């Protein structure tokens, strides 16, 4: 497995990581613990060293799974986790709209202690603020994490879904190693301001949902049904109408894939890897065959002509449906 460095002074990690959220959270009921443990260990054996979790996934369940499954590989793997939500026991997934932010310094310290315990580590490799909390100055957040780094409880600091001014203000207090945001062929917002800022500051970029929450695999169409507990049921981009309208993007991936002898998912990941050398996507999966498929994307080479063809085609494609419900933006 090839490696990439997260930012100018960050760690080297596998060129593709593994997003672990879906093993415990949001994409239907939690998956079988033994099967997910086997999958996580298989990922390490196949060269993946970068794993992504968060206290809110489950909640807490995903960190516990990662902590137990990866315990035999301490020193070989790099685990990122996140703080930043008030977790409502009556609505832990926030499906009812109770996704309260909380990045107060005392809450950050409390969250870190819990994550250390569940992950079974003495130091968190990469700690992200999960979402920006408008009620807490980012300088206070960065200062708290800076203290935690000085105490040896955290190695590196990151932000998720943050704007450029927030990134700059945080970076001035405690240098950022990585920014995590949604980025894929159907969600390209970071290209406008975030990616140029990260290149300027020497910060790595970690795209989550690089396969569009499964849509860019080509396995989902307007007839697909999801489990009642799957959060895609409430996403505007996953209405039946939007899924049908967005098939034009999937047709493009199939067309390029046929020429490259690759799947749509592999083309989508190869496209991301070709954008910048400091981008490390974290596709999630719960299936061994999908894990292998994603890993093989690293070997798919897109030429400049391929990339121009994709770019020109995508410029004429309108993606239908918002990423998240309006209530999640409040």
C-alpha atoms as a PDB file:
ATOM      1  CA  UNK A   1       0.000   0.000   0.000  1.00  0.00           C
ATOM      2  CA  UNK A   2       1.342   3.408  -0.974  1.00  0.00           C
ATOM      3  CA  UNK A   3       1.503   6.127   1.685  1.00  0.00           C
ATOM      4  CA  UNK A   4       0.874   9.850   1.779  1.00  0.00           C
ATOM      5  CA  UNK A   5       1.803  12.526   4.276  1.00  0.00           C
ATOM      6  CA  UNK A   6      -1.014  14.489   5.899  1.00  0.00           C
ATOM      7  CA  UNK A   7       0.197  18.048   5.462  1.00  0.00           C
ATOM      8  CA  UNK A   8       3.771  19.293   5.491  1.00  0.00           C
ATOM      9  CA  UNK A   9       4.589  18.095   8.983  1.00  0.00           C
ATOM     10  CA  UNK A  10       1.968  15.443   9.604  1.00  0.00           C
ATOM     11  CA  UNK A  11       2.232  11.646   9.716  1.00  0.00           C
ATOM     12  CA  UNK A  12       2.516   9.251   6.801  1.00  0.00           C
ATOM     13  CA  UNK A  13      -0.614   7.131   6.411  1.00  0.00           C
ATOM     14  CA  UNK A  14      -1.937   4.705   3.821  1.00  0.00           C
ATOM     15  CA  UNK A  15      -3.040   6.480   0.646  1.00  0.00           C
ATOM     16  CA  UNK A  16      -6.606   5.297   1.353  1.00  0.00           C
ATOM     17  CA  UNK A  17      -8.017   5.078   4.869  1.00  0.00           C
ATOM     18  CA  UNK A  18     -11.105   3.372   6.248  1.00  0.00           C
ATOM     19  CA  UNK A  19     -14.132   5.285   7.481  1.00  0.00           C
ATOM     20  CA  UNK A  20     -15.681   3.206  10.251  1.00  0.00           C
ATOM     21  CA  UNK A  21     -18.942   5.066  10.973  1.00  0.00           C
ATOM     22  CA  UNK A  22     -21.200   2.719   9.016  1.00  0.00           C
ATOM     23  CA  UNK A  23     -20.136  -0.257  11.102  1.00  0.00           C
ATOM     24  CA  UNK A  24     -22.074   1.122  14.073  1.00  0.00           C
ATOM     25  CA  UNK A  25     -24.091   4.143  13.016  1.00  0.00           C
ATOM     26  CA  UNK A  26     -26.367   5.838  10.490  1.00  0.00           C
ATOM     27  CA  UNK A  27     -26.372   3.188   7.742  1.00  0.00           C
ATOM     28  CA  UNK A  28     -28.917   0.851   9.310  1.00  0.00           C
ATOM     29  CA  UNK A  29     -28.513  -1.199  12.520  1.00  0.00           C
ATOM     30  CA  UNK A  30     -25.032  -1.771  14.000  1.00  0.00           C
ATOM     31  CA  UNK A  31     -23.262  -4.581  12.190  1.00  0.00           C
ATOM     32  CA  UNK A  32     -22.076  -7.847  13.769  1.00  0.00           C
ATOM     33  CA  UNK A  33     -19.121  -7.127  16.046  1.00  0.00           C
ATOM     34  CA  UNK A  34     -17.160 -10.253  15.108  1.00  0.00           C
ATOM     35  CA  UNK A  35     -17.578  -9.577  11.402  1.00  0.00           C
ATOM     36  CA  UNK A  36     -16.518  -5.936  11.768  1.00  0.00           C
ATOM     37  CA  UNK A  37     -13.506  -6.950  13.868  1.00  0.00           C
ATOM     38  CA  UNK A  38     -12.502  -9.341  11.105  1.00  0.00           C
ATOM     39  CA  UNK A  39     -12.953  -6.611   8.499  1.00  0.00           C
ATOM     40  CA  UNK A  40     -10.857  -4.096  10.445  1.00  0.00           C
ATOM     41  CA  UNK A  41      -8.035  -6.575  10.898  1.00  0.00           C
ATOM     42  CA  UNK A  42      -8.222  -7.548   7.230  1.00  0.00           C
ATOM     43  CA  UNK A  43      -7.816  -3.873   6.366  1.00  0.00           C
ATOM     44  CA  UNK A  44      -4.591  -3.717   8.375  1.00  0.00           C
ATOM     45  CA  UNK A  45      -3.320  -6.887   6.699  1.00  0.00           C
ATOM     46  CA  UNK A  46      -4.007  -5.300   3.303  1.00  0.00           C
ATOM     47  CA  UNK A  47      -1.961  -2.222   4.192  1.00  0.00           C
ATOM     48  CA  UNK A  48      -4.508   0.271   5.495  1.00  0.00           C
ATOM     49  CA  UNK A  49      -3.086   2.191   8.452  1.00  0.00           C
ATOM     50  CA  UNK A  50      -5.543   5.127   8.734  1.00  0.00           C
ATOM     51  CA  UNK A  51      -8.867   4.580  10.546  1.00  0.00           C
ATOM     52  CA  UNK A  52     -11.584   7.144  11.218  1.00  0.00           C
ATOM     53  CA  UNK A  53     -14.126   7.078  14.064  1.00  0.00           C
ATOM     54  CA  UNK A  54     -15.901   9.470  16.483  1.00  0.00           C
ATOM     55  CA  UNK A  55     -17.458   9.406  19.936  1.00  0.00           C
ATOM     56  CA  UNK A  56     -20.897  10.123  18.456  1.00  0.00           C
ATOM     57  CA  UNK A  57     -20.838   7.039  16.213  1.00  0.00           C
ATOM     58  CA  UNK A  58     -23.083   4.649  18.066  1.00  0.00           C
ATOM     59  CA  UNK A  59     -22.705   6.701  20.223  1.00  0.00           C
ATOM     60  CA  UNK A  60     -19.453   5.393  21.739  1.00  0.00           C
ATOM     61  CA  UNK A  61     -19.958   1.929  20.217  1.00  0.00           C
ATOM     62  CA  UNK A  62     -17.721   2.566  17.203  1.00  0.00           C
ATOM     63  CA  UNK A  63     -14.768   3.745  19.275  1.00  0.00           C
ATOM     64  CA  UNK A  64     -15.110   0.651  21.447  1.00  0.00           C
ATOM     65  CA  UNK A  65     -15.141  -1.573  18.339  1.00  0.00           C
ATOM     66  CA  UNK A  66     -12.047   0.139  16.912  1.00  0.00           C
ATOM     67  CA  UNK A  67     -10.258  -0.003  20.251  1.00  0.00           C
ATOM     68  CA  UNK A  68     -10.749  -3.736  20.639  1.00  0.00           C
ATOM     69  CA  UNK A  69     -10.253  -4.735  17.010  1.00  0.00           C
ATOM     70  CA  UNK A  70      -7.052  -2.763  16.491  1.00  0.00           C
ATOM     71  CA  UNK A  71      -5.487  -3.411  19.901  1.00  0.00           C
ATOM     72  CA  UNK A  72      -3.067  -6.009  18.438  1.00  0.00           C
ATOM     73  CA  UNK A  73      -1.751  -3.435  15.971  1.00  0.00           C
ATOM     74  CA  UNK A  74      -0.713  -0.611  18.291  1.00  0.00           C
ATOM     75  CA  UNK A  75       2.118   1.327  16.699  1.00  0.00           C
ATOM     76  CA  UNK A  76       1.139   0.151  13.224  1.00  0.00           C
ATOM     77  CA  UNK A  77      -2.104   2.071  12.812  1.00  0.00           C
ATOM     78  CA  UNK A  78      -3.176   5.717  12.994  1.00  0.00           C
ATOM     79  CA  UNK A  79      -6.628   6.367  14.496  1.00  0.00           C
ATOM     80  CA  UNK A  80      -8.562   9.612  14.148  1.00  0.00           C
ATOM     81  CA  UNK A  81     -11.546  10.421  16.341  1.00  0.00           C
ATOM     82  CA  UNK A  82     -13.749  13.456  16.954  1.00  0.00           C
ATOM     83  CA  UNK A  83     -15.516  15.527  19.609  1.00  0.00           C
ATOM     84  CA  UNK A  84     -18.099  18.250  19.308  1.00  0.00           C
ATOM     85  CA  UNK A  85     -21.655  17.036  19.899  1.00  0.00           C
ATOM     86  CA  UNK A  86     -23.941  16.939  22.888  1.00  0.00           C
ATOM     87  CA  UNK A  87     -25.224  13.396  22.692  1.00  0.00           C
ATOM     88  CA  UNK A  88     -28.957  13.070  23.376  1.00  0.00           C
ATOM     89  CA  UNK A  89     -29.669   9.573  24.805  1.00  0.00           C
ATOM     90  CA  UNK A  90     -33.181   9.752  23.340  1.00  0.00           C
ATOM     91  CA  UNK A  91     -31.897  10.654  19.871  1.00  0.00           C
ATOM     92  CA  UNK A  92     -28.231   9.621  19.710  1.00  0.00           C
ATOM     93  CA  UNK A  93     -28.058   9.697  15.916  1.00  0.00           C
ATOM     94  CA  UNK A  94     -29.641  13.136  15.655  1.00  0.00           C
ATOM     95  CA  UNK A  95     -32.317  11.764  13.338  1.00  0.00           C
ATOM     96  CA  UNK A  96     -34.933  13.895  15.104  1.00  0.00           C
ATOM     97  CA  UNK A  97     -32.897  17.055  14.740  1.00  0.00           C
ATOM     98  CA  UNK A  98     -31.371  17.180  18.233  1.00  0.00           C
ATOM     99  CA  UNK A  99     -27.781  17.501  16.991  1.00  0.00           C
ATOM    100  CA  UNK A 100     -26.534  20.003  19.560  1.00  0.00           C
ATOM    101  CA  UNK A 101     -22.945  21.211  19.198  1.00  0.00           C
ATOM    102  CA  UNK A 102     -20.669  21.381  22.220  1.00  0.00           C
ATOM    103  CA  UNK A 103     -17.010  22.386  21.996  1.00  0.00           C
ATOM    104  CA  UNK A 104     -16.659  24.010  25.386  1.00  0.00           C
ATOM    105  CA  UNK A 105     -13.173  23.353  26.767  1.00  0.00           C
ATOM    106  CA  UNK A 106     -14.448  21.245  29.665  1.00  0.00           C
ATOM    107  CA  UNK A 107     -16.492  19.125  27.253  1.00  0.00           C
ATOM    108  CA  UNK A 108     -13.476  18.605  24.971  1.00  0.00           C
ATOM    109  CA  UNK A 109     -11.376  17.383  27.896  1.00  0.00           C
ATOM    110  CA  UNK A 110     -14.175  15.065  29.024  1.00  0.00           C
ATOM    111  CA  UNK A 111     -14.639  13.716  25.485  1.00  0.00           C
ATOM    112  CA  UNK A 112     -10.917  13.040  25.122  1.00  0.00           C
ATOM    113  CA  UNK A 113     -10.805  11.032  28.356  1.00  0.00           C
ATOM    114  CA  UNK A 114     -13.691   8.911  27.112  1.00  0.00           C
ATOM    115  CA  UNK A 115     -12.117   8.383  23.699  1.00  0.00           C
ATOM    116  CA  UNK A 116      -8.766   7.400  25.223  1.00  0.00           C
ATOM    117  CA  UNK A 117     -10.505   4.805  27.372  1.00  0.00           C
ATOM    118  CA  UNK A 118     -12.638   3.357  24.568  1.00  0.00           C
ATOM    119  CA  UNK A 119      -9.817   3.306  22.008  1.00  0.00           C
ATOM    120  CA  UNK A 120      -7.510   1.692  24.586  1.00  0.00           C
ATOM    121  CA  UNK A 121      -4.676   4.130  23.835  1.00  0.00           C
ATOM    122  CA  UNK A 122      -2.589   6.580  25.816  1.00  0.00           C
ATOM    123  CA  UNK A 123      -2.607   9.178  23.034  1.00  0.00           C
ATOM    124  CA  UNK A 124      -5.160  10.023  20.344  1.00  0.00           C
ATOM    125  CA  UNK A 125      -3.349  10.145  17.001  1.00  0.00           C
ATOM    126  CA  UNK A 126      -5.602  12.764  15.367  1.00  0.00           C
ATOM    127  CA  UNK A 127      -8.366  14.670  17.151  1.00  0.00           C
ATOM    128  CA  UNK A 128     -10.919  16.546  15.057  1.00  0.00           C
ATOM    129  CA  UNK A 129     -13.512  19.061  16.119  1.00  0.00           C
ATOM    130  CA  UNK A 130     -16.482  17.272  14.521  1.00  0.00           C
ATOM    131  CA  UNK A 131     -18.392  20.429  13.634  1.00  0.00           C
ATOM    132  CA  UNK A 132     -17.710  24.107  14.299  1.00  0.00           C
ATOM    133  CA  UNK A 133     -19.520  25.360  17.403  1.00  0.00           C
ATOM    134  CA  UNK A 134     -20.545  28.988  16.854  1.00  0.00           C
ATOM    135  CA  UNK A 135     -20.986  29.460  20.605  1.00  0.00           C
ATOM    136  CA  UNK A 136     -17.316  28.749  21.377  1.00  0.00           C
ATOM    137  CA  UNK A 137     -14.495  30.800  19.810  1.00  0.00           C
ATOM    138  CA  UNK A 138     -12.297  28.547  17.697  1.00  0.00           C
ATOM    139  CA  UNK A 139      -9.295  30.020  19.535  1.00  0.00           C
ATOM    140  CA  UNK A 140     -10.616  28.438  22.748  1.00  0.00           C
ATOM    141  CA  UNK A 141     -11.043  25.096  20.999  1.00  0.00           C
ATOM    142  CA  UNK A 142      -7.559  25.198  19.467  1.00  0.00           C
ATOM    143  CA  UNK A 143      -6.056  26.323  22.769  1.00  0.00           C
ATOM    144  CA  UNK A 144      -7.654  23.431  24.612  1.00  0.00           C
ATOM    145  CA  UNK A 145      -6.362  20.913  22.086  1.00  0.00           C
ATOM    146  CA  UNK A 146      -2.941  22.571  22.268  1.00  0.00           C
ATOM    147  CA  UNK A 147      -2.940  21.909  26.015  1.00  0.00           C
ATOM    148  CA  UNK A 148      -3.971  18.285  25.414  1.00  0.00           C
ATOM    149  CA  UNK A 149      -1.102  17.877  22.952  1.00  0.00           C
ATOM    150  CA  UNK A 150       1.307  19.307  25.531  1.00  0.00           C
ATOM    151  CA  UNK A 151      -0.051  16.775  28.047  1.00  0.00           C
ATOM    152  CA  UNK A 152       0.613  13.911  25.634  1.00  0.00           C
ATOM    153  CA  UNK A 153      -3.059  12.995  25.267  1.00  0.00           C
ATOM    154  CA  UNK A 154      -3.309  14.064  21.612  1.00  0.00           C
ATOM    155  CA  UNK A 155      -0.731  14.053  18.787  1.00  0.00           C
ATOM    156  CA  UNK A 156      -2.374  16.013  15.960  1.00  0.00           C
ATOM    157  CA  UNK A 157      -5.285  18.453  15.594  1.00  0.00           C
ATOM    158  CA  UNK A 158      -7.909  18.672  12.847  1.00  0.00           C
ATOM    159  CA  UNK A 159     -11.246  20.260  11.976  1.00  0.00           C
ATOM    160  CA  UNK A 160     -14.226  18.841  10.114  1.00  0.00           C
ATOM    161  CA  UNK A 161     -16.403  20.829   7.705  1.00  0.00           C
ATOM    162  CA  UNK A 162     -14.775  24.132   8.702  1.00  0.00           C
ATOM    163  CA  UNK A 163     -14.632  27.292   6.589  1.00  0.00           C
ATOM    164  CA  UNK A 164     -11.401  29.022   5.621  1.00  0.00           C
ATOM    165  CA  UNK A 165     -11.516  31.770   8.243  1.00  0.00           C
ATOM    166  CA  UNK A 166     -12.079  29.226  11.004  1.00  0.00           C
ATOM    167  CA  UNK A 167      -9.215  27.151   9.624  1.00  0.00           C
ATOM    168  CA  UNK A 168      -6.849  30.127   9.628  1.00  0.00           C
ATOM    169  CA  UNK A 169      -7.791  31.221  13.150  1.00  0.00           C
ATOM    170  CA  UNK A 170      -7.389  27.715  14.577  1.00  0.00           C
ATOM    171  CA  UNK A 171      -4.119  27.123  12.714  1.00  0.00           C
ATOM    172  CA  UNK A 172      -2.654  30.302  14.222  1.00  0.00           C
ATOM    173  CA  UNK A 173      -3.153  28.880  17.732  1.00  0.00           C
ATOM    174  CA  UNK A 174      -2.386  25.197  17.149  1.00  0.00           C
ATOM    175  CA  UNK A 175      -1.146  24.053  13.714  1.00  0.00           C
ATOM    176  CA  UNK A 176      -3.677  21.872  11.971  1.00  0.00           C
ATOM    177  CA  UNK A 177      -2.643  18.552  10.470  1.00  0.00           C
ATOM    178  CA  UNK A 178      -5.821  17.742   8.553  1.00  0.00           C
ATOM    179  CA  UNK A 179      -9.203  19.067   7.527  1.00  0.00           C
ATOM    180  CA  UNK A 180     -11.997  16.592   6.944  1.00  0.00           C
ATOM    181  CA  UNK A 181     -14.940  17.497   4.722  1.00  0.00           C
ATOM    182  CA  UNK A 182     -17.222  15.767   2.283  1.00  0.00           C
ATOM    183  CA  UNK A 183     -15.609  15.744  -1.147  1.00  0.00           C
ATOM    184  CA  UNK A 184     -16.353  13.628  -4.191  1.00  0.00           C
ATOM    185  CA  UNK A 185     -17.433  13.933  -7.795  1.00  0.00           C
ATOM    186  CA  UNK A 186     -20.889  14.961  -6.626  1.00  0.00           C
ATOM    187  CA  UNK A 187     -19.834  17.212  -3.710  1.00  0.00           C
ATOM    188  CA  UNK A 188     -17.089  19.583  -4.843  1.00  0.00           C
ATOM    189  CA  UNK A 189     -17.574  22.570  -2.531  1.00  0.00           C
ATOM    190  CA  UNK A 190     -14.068  22.344  -0.954  1.00  0.00           C
ATOM    191  CA  UNK A 191     -12.462  23.173  -4.301  1.00  0.00           C
ATOM    192  CA  UNK A 192     -13.550  26.814  -4.185  1.00  0.00           C
ATOM    193  CA  UNK A 193     -11.741  28.030  -1.075  1.00  0.00           C
ATOM    194  CA  UNK A 194     -10.773  25.218   1.264  1.00  0.00           C
ATOM    195  CA  UNK A 195      -8.307  23.296  -0.924  1.00  0.00           C
ATOM    196  CA  UNK A 196      -6.327  26.415  -1.965  1.00  0.00           C
ATOM    197  CA  UNK A 197      -6.116  27.459   1.699  1.00  0.00           C
ATOM    198  CA  UNK A 198      -4.883  24.035   2.781  1.00  0.00           C
ATOM    199  CA  UNK A 199      -2.245  24.044   0.050  1.00  0.00           C
ATOM    200  CA  UNK A 200      -1.060  27.460   1.208  1.00  0.00           C
ATOM    201  CA  UNK A 201      -0.883  26.427   4.872  1.00  0.00           C
ATOM    202  CA  UNK A 202       0.472  22.915   4.337  1.00  0.00           C
ATOM    203  CA  UNK A 203      -2.527  21.095   5.830  1.00  0.00           C
ATOM    204  CA  UNK A 204      -3.687  17.652   4.679  1.00  0.00           C
ATOM    205  CA  UNK A 205      -7.211  16.933   3.430  1.00  0.00           C
ATOM    206  CA  UNK A 206      -9.333  13.899   4.293  1.00  0.00           C
ATOM    207  CA  UNK A 207     -12.478  13.542   2.156  1.00  0.00           C
ATOM    208  CA  UNK A 208     -15.304  11.694   3.885  1.00  0.00           C
ATOM    209  CA  UNK A 209     -18.088  10.088   1.851  1.00  0.00           C
ATOM    210  CA  UNK A 210     -15.750   9.926  -1.170  1.00  0.00           C
ATOM    211  CA  UNK A 211     -18.221   7.478  -2.734  1.00  0.00           C
ATOM    212  CA  UNK A 212     -21.243   9.681  -2.096  1.00  0.00           C
ATOM    213  CA  UNK A 213     -22.590   7.580   0.793  1.00  0.00           C
ATOM    214  CA  UNK A 214     -22.612   4.596  -1.528  1.00  0.00           C
ATOM    215  CA  UNK A 215     -24.249   6.248  -4.520  1.00  0.00           C
ATOM    216  CA  UNK A 216     -21.076   6.523  -6.608  1.00  0.00           C
ATOM    217  CA  UNK A 217     -20.548   2.753  -6.435  1.00  0.00           C
ATOM    218  CA  UNK A 218     -23.243   2.352  -9.074  1.00  0.00           C
ATOM    219  CA  UNK A 219     -25.131  -0.048  -6.806  1.00  0.00           C
ATOM    220  CA  UNK A 220     -27.926   2.393  -5.881  1.00  0.00           C
ATOM    221  CA  UNK A 221     -30.759   3.642  -8.098  1.00  0.00           C
ATOM    222  CA  UNK A 222     -34.255   5.077  -7.677  1.00  0.00           C
ATOM    223  CA  UNK A 223     -35.651   1.646  -6.774  1.00  0.00           C
ATOM    224  CA  UNK A 224     -33.208   0.987  -3.933  1.00  0.00           C
ATOM    225  CA  UNK A 225     -34.758   0.808  -0.457  1.00  0.00           C
ATOM    226  CA  UNK A 226     -32.952   1.465   2.815  1.00  0.00           C
ATOM    227  CA  UNK A 227     -33.479   0.175   6.349  1.00  0.00           C
ATOM    228  CA  UNK A 228     -35.740   2.381   8.475  1.00  0.00           C
ATOM    229  CA  UNK A 229     -32.764   3.403  10.626  1.00  0.00           C
ATOM    230  CA  UNK A 230     -30.628   4.393   7.613  1.00  0.00           C
ATOM    231  CA  UNK A 231     -30.129   8.164   7.604  1.00  0.00           C
ATOM    232  CA  UNK A 232     -30.123   8.310   3.799  1.00  0.00           C
ATOM    233  CA  UNK A 233     -33.913   8.120   4.091  1.00  0.00           C
ATOM    234  CA  UNK A 234     -33.945  11.758   5.258  1.00  0.00           C
ATOM    235  CA  UNK A 235     -31.319  13.162   2.879  1.00  0.00           C
ATOM    236  CA  UNK A 236     -32.699  15.276   0.006  1.00  0.00           C
ATOM    237  CA  UNK A 237     -30.061  13.870  -2.356  1.00  0.00           C
ATOM    238  CA  UNK A 238     -31.365  10.362  -1.696  1.00  0.00           C
ATOM    239  CA  UNK A 239     -35.008  10.852  -2.591  1.00  0.00           C
ATOM    240  CA  UNK A 240     -36.084   8.492  -5.341  1.00  0.00           C
ATOM    241  CA  UNK A 241     -36.406  11.426  -7.749  1.00  0.00           C
ATOM    242  CA  UNK A 242     -32.908  12.725  -6.993  1.00  0.00           C
ATOM    243  CA  UNK A 243     -31.372   9.276  -7.303  1.00  0.00           C
ATOM    244  CA  UNK A 244     -32.968   8.863 -10.711  1.00  0.00           C
ATOM    245  CA  UNK A 245     -31.862  12.296 -11.894  1.00  0.00           C
ATOM    246  CA  UNK A 246     -28.284  11.745 -10.692  1.00  0.00           C
ATOM    247  CA  UNK A 247     -27.816   8.501 -12.647  1.00  0.00           C
ATOM    248  CA  UNK A 248     -26.170  10.537 -15.409  1.00  0.00           C
ATOM    249  CA  UNK A 249     -23.121  10.822 -13.141  1.00  0.00           C
ATOM    250  CA  UNK A 250     -23.065   7.056 -12.618  1.00  0.00           C
ATOM    251  CA  UNK A 251     -23.235   6.514 -16.374  1.00  0.00           C
ATOM    252  CA  UNK A 252     -20.091   8.636 -16.699  1.00  0.00           C
ATOM    253  CA  UNK A 253     -18.267   6.518 -14.107  1.00  0.00           C
ATOM    254  CA  UNK A 254     -19.316   3.305 -15.830  1.00  0.00           C
ATOM    255  CA  UNK A 255     -18.121   4.680 -19.176  1.00  0.00           C
ATOM    256  CA  UNK A 256     -14.676   5.634 -17.872  1.00  0.00           C
ATOM    257  CA  UNK A 257     -14.500   2.426 -15.840  1.00  0.00           C
ATOM    258  CA  UNK A 258     -15.166   0.229 -18.858  1.00  0.00           C
ATOM    259  CA  UNK A 259     -12.124   1.723 -20.569  1.00  0.00           C
ATOM    260  CA  UNK A 260      -9.937   1.364 -17.481  1.00  0.00           C
ATOM    261  CA  UNK A 261     -11.280  -2.050 -16.480  1.00  0.00           C
ATOM    262  CA  UNK A 262     -12.370  -0.534 -13.177  1.00  0.00           C
ATOM    263  CA  UNK A 263     -15.612  -0.161 -11.227  1.00  0.00           C
ATOM    264  CA  UNK A 264     -17.415   3.174 -10.768  1.00  0.00           C
ATOM    265  CA  UNK A 265     -16.206   3.269  -7.152  1.00  0.00           C
ATOM    266  CA  UNK A 266     -12.608   2.802  -8.247  1.00  0.00           C
ATOM    267  CA  UNK A 267     -12.877   5.602 -10.807  1.00  0.00           C
ATOM    268  CA  UNK A 268     -14.419   7.912  -8.177  1.00  0.00           C
ATOM    269  CA  UNK A 269     -11.585   7.175  -5.736  1.00  0.00           C
ATOM    270  CA  UNK A 270      -8.870   7.392  -8.395  1.00  0.00           C
ATOM    271  CA  UNK A 271     -10.232  10.798  -9.404  1.00  0.00           C
ATOM    272  CA  UNK A 272      -9.919  12.018  -5.814  1.00  0.00           C
ATOM    273  CA  UNK A 273      -6.379  10.694  -5.454  1.00  0.00           C
ATOM    274  CA  UNK A 274      -5.400  12.512  -8.645  1.00  0.00           C
ATOM    275  CA  UNK A 275      -6.520  15.913  -7.354  1.00  0.00           C
ATOM    276  CA  UNK A 276      -3.729  16.580  -4.817  1.00  0.00           C
ATOM    277  CA  UNK A 277      -0.886  14.477  -3.357  1.00  0.00           C
ATOM    278  CA  UNK A 278      -1.963  15.396   0.179  1.00  0.00           C
ATOM    279  CA  UNK A 279      -5.538  14.095  -0.143  1.00  0.00           C
ATOM    280  CA  UNK A 280      -6.346  10.849   1.707  1.00  0.00           C
ATOM    281  CA  UNK A 281      -9.949   9.649   1.223  1.00  0.00           C
ATOM    282  CA  UNK A 282     -11.624   7.432   3.805  1.00  0.00           C
ATOM    283  CA  UNK A 283     -14.267   5.312   2.062  1.00  0.00           C
ATOM    284  CA  UNK A 284     -16.346   3.317   4.489  1.00  0.00           C
ATOM    285  CA  UNK A 285     -17.603  -0.211   4.052  1.00  0.00           C
ATOM    286  CA  UNK A 286     -18.857  -3.201   6.024  1.00  0.00           C
ATOM    287  CA  UNK A 287     -18.164  -5.767   3.287  1.00  0.00           C
ATOM    288  CA  UNK A 288     -14.810  -7.510   2.635  1.00  0.00           C
ATOM    289  CA  UNK A 289     -15.343  -7.450  -1.131  1.00  0.00           C
ATOM    290  CA  UNK A 290     -15.936  -3.687  -1.099  1.00  0.00           C
ATOM    291  CA  UNK A 291     -12.798  -3.225   1.019  1.00  0.00           C
ATOM    292  CA  UNK A 292     -10.748  -5.043  -1.610  1.00  0.00           C
ATOM    293  CA  UNK A 293     -12.427  -3.081  -4.405  1.00  0.00           C
ATOM    294  CA  UNK A 294     -11.579   0.234  -2.738  1.00  0.00           C
ATOM    295  CA  UNK A 295      -7.968  -0.773  -2.118  1.00  0.00           C
ATOM    296  CA  UNK A 296      -7.546  -1.726  -5.792  1.00  0.00           C
ATOM    297  CA  UNK A 297      -8.543   1.823  -6.751  1.00  0.00           C
ATOM    298  CA  UNK A 298      -5.003   2.866  -5.808  1.00  0.00           C
ATOM    299  CA  UNK A 299      -3.719   1.024  -8.888  1.00  0.00           C
ATOM    300  CA  UNK A 300      -6.102   2.796 -11.284  1.00  0.00           C
ATOM    301  CA  UNK A 301      -4.225   5.479 -13.212  1.00  0.00           C
ATOM    302  CA  UNK A 302      -6.207   8.319 -14.731  1.00  0.00           C
ATOM    303  CA  UNK A 303      -4.289  10.174 -17.433  1.00  0.00           C
ATOM    304  CA  UNK A 304      -4.561  13.915 -17.945  1.00  0.00           C
ATOM    305  CA  UNK A 305      -6.887  13.153 -20.881  1.00  0.00           C
ATOM    306  CA  UNK A 306      -9.064  11.003 -18.606  1.00  0.00           C
ATOM    307  CA  UNK A 307      -9.224  13.762 -16.011  1.00  0.00           C
ATOM    308  CA  UNK A 308     -10.089  16.378 -18.629  1.00  0.00           C
ATOM    309  CA  UNK A 309     -12.836  14.142 -19.986  1.00  0.00           C
ATOM    310  CA  UNK A 310     -14.307  13.660 -16.507  1.00  0.00           C
ATOM    311  CA  UNK A 311     -14.061  17.373 -15.720  1.00  0.00           C
ATOM    312  CA  UNK A 312     -15.732  18.452 -18.939  1.00  0.00           C
ATOM    313  CA  UNK A 313     -18.520  15.936 -18.471  1.00  0.00           C
ATOM    314  CA  UNK A 314     -19.148  16.848 -14.831  1.00  0.00           C
ATOM    315  CA  UNK A 315     -19.349  20.561 -15.705  1.00  0.00           C
ATOM    316  CA  UNK A 316     -22.488  19.724 -17.686  1.00  0.00           C
ATOM    317  CA  UNK A 317     -24.051  17.587 -14.959  1.00  0.00           C
ATOM    318  CA  UNK A 318     -26.323  19.128 -12.335  1.00  0.00           C
ATOM    319  CA  UNK A 319     -26.355  17.216  -9.056  1.00  0.00           C
ATOM    320  CA  UNK A 320     -29.912  17.074  -7.713  1.00  0.00           C
ATOM    321  CA  UNK A 321     -30.737  17.301  -4.004  1.00  0.00           C
ATOM    322  CA  UNK A 322     -29.044  18.966  -1.031  1.00  0.00           C
ATOM    323  CA  UNK A 323     -26.510  17.049   1.063  1.00  0.00           C
ATOM    324  CA  UNK A 324     -28.428  17.431   4.329  1.00  0.00           C
ATOM    325  CA  UNK A 325     -31.895  18.487   5.537  1.00  0.00           C
ATOM    326  CA  UNK A 326     -32.363  22.169   6.333  1.00  0.00           C
ATOM    327  CA  UNK A 327     -32.882  21.333  10.015  1.00  0.00           C
ATOM    328  CA  UNK A 328     -29.277  20.061  10.243  1.00  0.00           C
ATOM    329  CA  UNK A 329     -27.895  23.461   9.305  1.00  0.00           C
ATOM    330  CA  UNK A 330     -29.345  25.158  12.383  1.00  0.00           C
END
